[in-house]
Each structure stands twice: as structure tokens, then as C-alpha cells.
């Protein structure tokens, strides 16, 4: 490696596996923001995405010795992130179901927020999150990687281990479903007033 040239992911992984903590910190610095975006695409909550990102970094540190380099580091990191986000998503839904059962047992709380105070941006974000949440997981992954993060379909195919044609088919279905869901959730958009 020439002086001033940035080490590759493979170089950093090799050094980190040999016990070089600075190399692992360099990987964390390089990948933190991308992992956070991936996590957010799955859980649609910034705080939860922070938690998932921390879990991913811990898992990466613990499992780095098992990474053999047979796939790109980005693919390995994405799969760890997806699994951690799925775990978090499942835990959150179990908690929500438990809270719903508890609230059904007692009186309703009237001290909730005033629904008339909602802002348009929050409503738009909620509409988009609801539309994305309604997608099957694979379509949500493809839509996030291509349309939200700006990867080319062939890059998304490499990360997900799919063919280009399969990614394009999922992307087509996801875009159609998101468009239909957004219009169903906010009919004013269909009328050109949104």
C-alpha cells in the first residue's frame, strides 16, 4: 500500500483479526453511518437504529475471526445488520403486543397528545414508513438499497446475493406497492393537492 493510500476493508479486517484494535476502529469509522442507514431502513426509528447499530458493531467484533473473506465485507456487514434489525423488530412487536394486552385490561389514558397538533412533515414521514412497513422484507431491502440509499440494482444484487433480474423484479413490485400504499394513505396526493 502506497503512503497516503487508504487501506482496503480486506486489509483492515486482516489486521483486526490479528489483534490490531486500531484497524477495527477504522472499520467502525468507515462503516458506522452505512450500518445505521441499513438499520434505520429496517426499524424506521432513529433511537432503535442506534441500538441496532451498536449491536451490529459488537457482533462484528465478536465474529470477525469467522469472517473468511469469501464475500465482500459489505455483504457480511449487511447480513449482520439485517439479522440484528430483524431481532430488534421482533422484540419491539412482542413488547407492543404485551402493552396492548395490558392496556386492554385497564382504563384508557386520556392524557395522550392532541391529534390536531401534527405537522405535515411528520404525517408525510409516517405515511412513507407505513408504506415501507407494508412491503415484504425482500422488497423493502431492495427498495431501501436502490431507491433510498442510491445503489445501482447490480450492487444491491451483489449485497443480497441475488441475480440482477430478481432485484429488478422486487424493485418494480416495491415501487408499485409503495406508490399504491402512499396514495391509499393520503388520497390528496392522487388529486394533486399533496
Protein backbone atom coordinates (compact mmCIF):
# COMPACT_ATOMS: atom_id res chain seq x y z
CA UNK A 1 0.00 0.00 0.00
CA UNK A 2 1.46 3.38 -1.03
CA UNK A 3 1.84 6.07 1.59
CA UNK A 4 -1.30 8.17 1.91
CA UNK A 5 -3.43 5.44 0.32
CA UNK A 6 -6.39 4.28 2.38
CA UNK A 7 -6.31 0.63 3.46
CA UNK A 8 -8.97 -1.58 1.94
CA UNK A 9 -11.62 -3.30 4.03
CA UNK A 10 -9.75 -6.57 3.48
CA UNK A 11 -6.53 -5.02 4.85
CA UNK A 12 -8.34 -3.68 7.92
CA UNK A 13 -10.10 -7.00 8.53
CA UNK A 14 -6.82 -8.91 8.28
CA UNK A 15 -5.14 -6.54 10.74
CA UNK A 16 -8.12 -6.52 13.11
CA UNK A 17 -8.24 -10.32 13.12
CA UNK A 18 -4.56 -10.25 14.14
CA UNK A 19 -5.49 -8.15 17.19
CA UNK A 20 -4.97 -4.61 15.84
CA UNK A 21 -7.72 -2.64 17.63
CA UNK A 22 -6.91 0.49 15.61
CA UNK A 23 -7.77 -1.43 12.44
CA UNK A 24 -11.13 -2.45 13.90
CA UNK A 25 -11.78 1.17 14.95
CA UNK A 26 -11.01 2.22 11.36
CA UNK A 27 -13.59 -0.30 10.10
CA UNK A 28 -16.13 1.06 12.59
CA UNK A 29 -15.44 4.63 11.47
CA UNK A 30 -15.74 3.66 7.82
CA UNK A 31 -18.95 1.59 8.18
CA UNK A 32 -20.88 3.17 11.07
CA UNK A 33 -23.04 5.55 9.02
CA UNK A 34 -23.89 2.94 6.39
CA UNK A 35 -24.81 0.34 9.03
CA UNK A 36 -27.01 2.93 10.74
CA UNK A 37 -28.82 3.67 7.44
CA UNK A 38 -29.39 -0.04 6.87
CA UNK A 39 -30.70 -0.46 10.42
CA UNK A 40 -32.99 2.55 10.07
CA UNK A 41 -34.43 1.16 6.85
CA UNK A 42 -35.50 -1.92 8.78
CA UNK A 43 -36.72 -0.45 12.06
CA UNK A 44 -37.83 3.05 10.93
CA UNK A 45 -36.93 4.60 14.30
CA UNK A 46 -33.74 6.60 14.89
CA UNK A 47 -33.25 5.51 18.51
CA UNK A 48 -33.85 1.87 17.69
CA UNK A 49 -31.49 2.17 14.70
CA UNK A 50 -28.82 3.49 17.11
CA UNK A 51 -29.33 0.44 19.31
CA UNK A 52 -29.21 -1.94 16.35
CA UNK A 53 -26.04 -0.27 15.06
CA UNK A 54 -24.34 -0.80 18.41
CA UNK A 55 -25.44 -4.44 18.44
CA UNK A 56 -24.06 -4.89 14.92
CA UNK A 57 -20.69 -3.41 15.85
CA UNK A 58 -20.45 -5.70 18.88
CA UNK A 59 -21.43 -8.73 16.77
CA UNK A 60 -18.88 -7.76 14.13
CA UNK A 61 -16.15 -7.52 16.75
CA UNK A 62 -17.07 -10.88 18.25
CA UNK A 63 -17.45 -12.64 14.89
CA UNK A 64 -14.62 -11.06 12.92
CA UNK A 65 -12.49 -14.17 13.40
CA UNK A 66 -15.18 -16.12 11.50
CA UNK A 67 -15.21 -13.76 8.51
CA UNK A 68 -13.29 -15.61 5.79
CA UNK A 69 -13.50 -13.04 3.02
CA UNK A 70 -15.43 -15.32 0.66
CA UNK A 71 -17.87 -12.45 0.16
CA UNK A 72 -17.32 -8.70 0.28
CA UNK A 73 -17.08 -7.16 3.73
CA UNK A 74 -20.11 -5.02 2.81
CA UNK A 75 -22.18 -8.16 2.21
CA UNK A 76 -21.15 -9.64 5.55
CA UNK A 77 -21.87 -6.35 7.37
CA UNK A 78 -25.25 -6.04 5.66
CA UNK A 79 -26.30 -9.54 6.68
CA UNK A 80 -25.32 -8.94 10.31
CA UNK A 81 -27.26 -5.65 10.26
CA UNK A 82 -30.32 -7.24 8.70
CA UNK A 83 -30.35 -10.03 11.29
CA UNK A 84 -29.88 -7.62 14.21
CA UNK A 85 -32.63 -5.35 12.88
CA UNK A 86 -34.99 -8.29 12.43
CA UNK A 87 -34.31 -9.36 16.01
CA UNK A 88 -34.98 -5.84 17.26
CA UNK A 89 -38.13 -5.56 15.15
CA UNK A 90 -39.46 -8.83 16.59
CA UNK A 91 -38.69 -7.76 20.17
CA UNK A 92 -40.44 -4.43 19.62
CA UNK A 93 -43.56 -6.12 18.26
CA UNK A 94 -43.65 -8.55 21.19
CA UNK A 95 -43.44 -5.57 23.59
CA UNK A 96 -46.16 -3.70 21.69
CA UNK A 97 -48.48 -6.71 21.79
CA UNK A 98 -47.85 -7.12 25.51
CA UNK A 99 -48.57 -3.43 26.14
CA UNK A 100 -51.72 -3.63 24.05
CA UNK A 101 -52.93 -6.57 26.13
CA UNK A 102 -52.17 -4.69 29.35
CA UNK A 103 -53.88 -1.51 28.20
CA UNK A 104 -56.95 -3.52 27.19
CA UNK A 105 -57.23 -4.68 30.81
CA UNK A 106 -57.39 -1.21 32.34
CA UNK A 107 -58.97 2.18 31.70
CA UNK A 108 -57.81 4.19 28.73
CA UNK A 109 -55.40 7.05 29.34
CA UNK A 110 -56.93 10.35 28.25
CA UNK A 111 -53.67 12.29 28.60
CA UNK A 112 -52.42 11.47 25.11
CA UNK A 113 -51.17 14.08 22.68
CA UNK A 114 -53.62 16.34 20.86
CA UNK A 115 -54.03 14.83 17.35
CA UNK A 116 -54.67 18.28 15.84
CA UNK A 117 -51.09 19.37 16.54
CA UNK A 118 -49.48 17.03 13.97
CA UNK A 119 -47.08 18.60 11.46
CA UNK A 120 -47.20 17.86 7.73
CA UNK A 121 -43.62 16.56 7.73
CA UNK A 122 -44.38 14.07 10.50
CA UNK A 123 -47.52 12.96 8.67
CA UNK A 124 -45.57 12.50 5.43
CA UNK A 125 -42.84 10.55 7.24
CA UNK A 126 -45.45 8.37 8.93
CA UNK A 127 -47.15 7.74 5.57
CA UNK A 128 -43.84 6.74 4.00
CA UNK A 129 -42.93 4.49 6.95
CA UNK A 130 -46.34 2.82 6.80
CA UNK A 131 -45.95 2.23 3.07
CA UNK A 132 -42.48 0.74 3.54
CA UNK A 133 -43.59 -1.35 6.51
CA UNK A 134 -46.26 -2.95 4.33
CA UNK A 135 -43.69 -4.34 1.90
CA UNK A 136 -42.46 -7.91 2.15
CA UNK A 137 -38.94 -7.95 3.69
CA UNK A 138 -37.07 -8.67 0.44
CA UNK A 139 -38.86 -5.87 -1.42
CA UNK A 140 -38.18 -3.49 1.49
CA UNK A 141 -34.46 -4.41 1.35
CA UNK A 142 -34.23 -3.85 -2.40
CA UNK A 143 -36.22 -0.60 -2.26
CA UNK A 144 -34.01 0.70 0.54
CA UNK A 145 -30.74 -0.20 -1.14
CA UNK A 146 -31.67 1.13 -4.59
CA UNK A 147 -34.16 3.97 -4.11
CA UNK A 148 -33.25 5.26 -0.65
CA UNK A 149 -29.51 4.65 -0.49
CA UNK A 150 -28.79 5.13 -4.19
CA UNK A 151 -27.11 1.82 -5.02
CA UNK A 152 -27.35 0.52 -8.56
CA UNK A 153 -29.52 -2.59 -8.91
CA UNK A 154 -26.45 -4.73 -9.70
CA UNK A 155 -24.79 -3.52 -6.46
CA UNK A 156 -27.91 -4.42 -4.48
CA UNK A 157 -27.90 -7.82 -6.19
CA UNK A 158 -24.31 -8.41 -5.03
CA UNK A 159 -25.08 -7.37 -1.44
CA UNK A 160 -28.19 -9.53 -1.26
CA UNK A 161 -26.79 -12.48 -3.19
CA UNK A 162 -29.49 -12.27 -5.86
CA UNK A 163 -29.48 -12.00 -9.64
CA UNK A 164 -29.91 -8.59 -11.27
CA UNK A 165 -33.23 -9.71 -12.75
CA UNK A 166 -34.56 -10.77 -9.36
CA UNK A 167 -33.55 -7.43 -7.82
CA UNK A 168 -35.22 -5.53 -10.66
CA UNK A 169 -38.42 -7.57 -10.25
CA UNK A 170 -38.50 -6.89 -6.49
CA UNK A 171 -37.79 -3.20 -7.12
CA UNK A 172 -40.63 -2.93 -9.64
CA UNK A 173 -43.08 -4.59 -7.23
CA UNK A 174 -41.86 -2.49 -4.28
CA UNK A 175 -42.20 0.80 -6.17
CA UNK A 176 -45.70 -0.12 -7.34
CA UNK A 177 -46.75 -1.17 -3.81
CA UNK A 178 -45.26 1.95 -2.16
CA UNK A 179 -46.98 4.21 -4.69
CA UNK A 180 -50.33 2.47 -4.11
CA UNK A 181 -49.92 2.50 -0.32
CA UNK A 182 -48.99 6.18 -0.20
CA UNK A 183 -51.95 7.09 -2.37
CA UNK A 184 -54.26 4.95 -0.22
CA UNK A 185 -52.94 6.55 3.00
CA UNK A 186 -53.04 10.08 1.60
CA UNK A 187 -55.66 10.36 -1.18
CA UNK A 188 -54.94 14.09 -1.53
CA UNK A 189 -51.73 13.16 -3.35
CA UNK A 190 -53.75 11.43 -6.06
CA UNK A 191 -55.74 14.60 -6.55
CA UNK A 192 -52.59 16.69 -6.98
CA UNK A 193 -53.10 18.67 -3.76
CA UNK A 194 -50.29 16.92 -1.81
